[in-house]
């Protein structure tokens, strides 16, 4: 049973997350032969001030 964790900047709509979940689930199913029902996806919404890239907060980039 695959568990996929996806961290994104906050602000994605439920429809966008549903589309991402569908695409990721389909990719796992097609490449690994795992039924869609076995894949779990967890979204984490992260504020830009809580995310840093190269030591710089994303809110400052």
C-alpha atoms as a PDB file:
ATOM      1  CA  UNK A   1       0.000   0.000   0.000  1.00  0.00           C
ATOM      2  CA  UNK A   2       1.816   3.150  -1.149  1.00  0.00           C
ATOM      3  CA  UNK A   3       1.544   6.252   1.003  1.00  0.00           C
ATOM      4  CA  UNK A   4       2.470   9.458  -0.820  1.00  0.00           C
ATOM      5  CA  UNK A   5       3.055  12.694   1.082  1.00  0.00           C
ATOM      6  CA  UNK A   6       2.883  15.894  -0.937  1.00  0.00           C
ATOM      7  CA  UNK A   7       3.930  19.198   0.613  1.00  0.00           C
ATOM      8  CA  UNK A   8       2.794  22.318  -1.218  1.00  0.00           C
ATOM      9  CA  UNK A   9       2.601  25.997  -0.509  1.00  0.00           C
ATOM     10  CA  UNK A  10      -0.814  26.660   0.952  1.00  0.00           C
ATOM     11  CA  UNK A  11      -3.503  27.997  -1.342  1.00  0.00           C
ATOM     12  CA  UNK A  12      -4.256  25.090  -3.686  1.00  0.00           C
ATOM     13  CA  UNK A  13      -7.971  24.487  -4.103  1.00  0.00           C
ATOM     14  CA  UNK A  14      -9.649  21.186  -3.248  1.00  0.00           C
ATOM     15  CA  UNK A  15     -10.216  20.648  -6.987  1.00  0.00           C
ATOM     16  CA  UNK A  16      -6.500  21.121  -7.700  1.00  0.00           C
ATOM     17  CA  UNK A  17      -5.583  18.658  -4.956  1.00  0.00           C
ATOM     18  CA  UNK A  18      -8.111  16.151  -6.280  1.00  0.00           C
ATOM     19  CA  UNK A  19      -6.570  16.415  -9.761  1.00  0.00           C
ATOM     20  CA  UNK A  20      -3.076  15.927  -8.340  1.00  0.00           C
ATOM     21  CA  UNK A  21      -4.233  12.929  -6.294  1.00  0.00           C
ATOM     22  CA  UNK A  22      -5.854  11.364  -9.348  1.00  0.00           C
ATOM     23  CA  UNK A  23      -2.742  11.839 -11.502  1.00  0.00           C
ATOM     24  CA  UNK A  24      -0.351  10.504  -8.858  1.00  0.00           C
ATOM     25  CA  UNK A  25      -2.592   7.525  -8.125  1.00  0.00           C
ATOM     26  CA  UNK A  26      -2.871   6.746 -11.845  1.00  0.00           C
ATOM     27  CA  UNK A  27       0.915   6.943 -12.277  1.00  0.00           C
ATOM     28  CA  UNK A  28       1.493   4.524  -9.410  1.00  0.00           C
ATOM     29  CA  UNK A  29      -1.156   2.151 -10.708  1.00  0.00           C
ATOM     30  CA  UNK A  30       0.211   2.170 -14.251  1.00  0.00           C
ATOM     31  CA  UNK A  31       3.879   1.831 -13.337  1.00  0.00           C
ATOM     32  CA  UNK A  32       3.700  -0.481 -10.323  1.00  0.00           C
ATOM     33  CA  UNK A  33       0.524  -2.412 -11.094  1.00  0.00           C
ATOM     34  CA  UNK A  34      -1.054  -1.433  -7.791  1.00  0.00           C
ATOM     35  CA  UNK A  35      -4.831  -0.945  -7.610  1.00  0.00           C
ATOM     36  CA  UNK A  36      -5.963   2.665  -7.203  1.00  0.00           C
ATOM     37  CA  UNK A  37      -7.752   1.759  -3.984  1.00  0.00           C
ATOM     38  CA  UNK A  38      -4.446   0.821  -2.325  1.00  0.00           C
ATOM     39  CA  UNK A  39      -2.820   4.249  -2.700  1.00  0.00           C
ATOM     40  CA  UNK A  40      -3.098   6.855   0.050  1.00  0.00           C
ATOM     41  CA  UNK A  41      -2.142  10.481  -0.562  1.00  0.00           C
ATOM     42  CA  UNK A  42      -1.575  12.998   2.218  1.00  0.00           C
ATOM     43  CA  UNK A  43      -1.384  16.703   1.430  1.00  0.00           C
ATOM     44  CA  UNK A  44       0.469  19.125   3.674  1.00  0.00           C
ATOM     45  CA  UNK A  45      -0.242  22.813   3.188  1.00  0.00           C
ATOM     46  CA  UNK A  46       2.787  24.836   4.181  1.00  0.00           C
ATOM     47  CA  UNK A  47       2.900  28.606   4.526  1.00  0.00           C
ATOM     48  CA  UNK A  48       5.723  30.198   2.543  1.00  0.00           C
ATOM     49  CA  UNK A  49       7.210  31.640   5.736  1.00  0.00           C
ATOM     50  CA  UNK A  50       7.520  28.052   7.052  1.00  0.00           C
ATOM     51  CA  UNK A  51       9.437  26.818   3.982  1.00  0.00           C
ATOM     52  CA  UNK A  52      13.024  27.714   3.143  1.00  0.00           C
ATOM     53  CA  UNK A  53      15.039  27.045  -0.002  1.00  0.00           C
ATOM     54  CA  UNK A  54      18.795  27.460   0.167  1.00  0.00           C
ATOM     55  CA  UNK A  55      18.473  28.994   3.634  1.00  0.00           C
ATOM     56  CA  UNK A  56      16.082  31.695   2.449  1.00  0.00           C
ATOM     57  CA  UNK A  57      12.408  31.647   3.432  1.00  0.00           C
ATOM     58  CA  UNK A  58      10.224  31.091   0.381  1.00  0.00           C
ATOM     59  CA  UNK A  59       8.241  34.178   1.392  1.00  0.00           C
ATOM     60  CA  UNK A  60      11.361  36.256   0.669  1.00  0.00           C
ATOM     61  CA  UNK A  61      12.173  34.711  -2.715  1.00  0.00           C
END
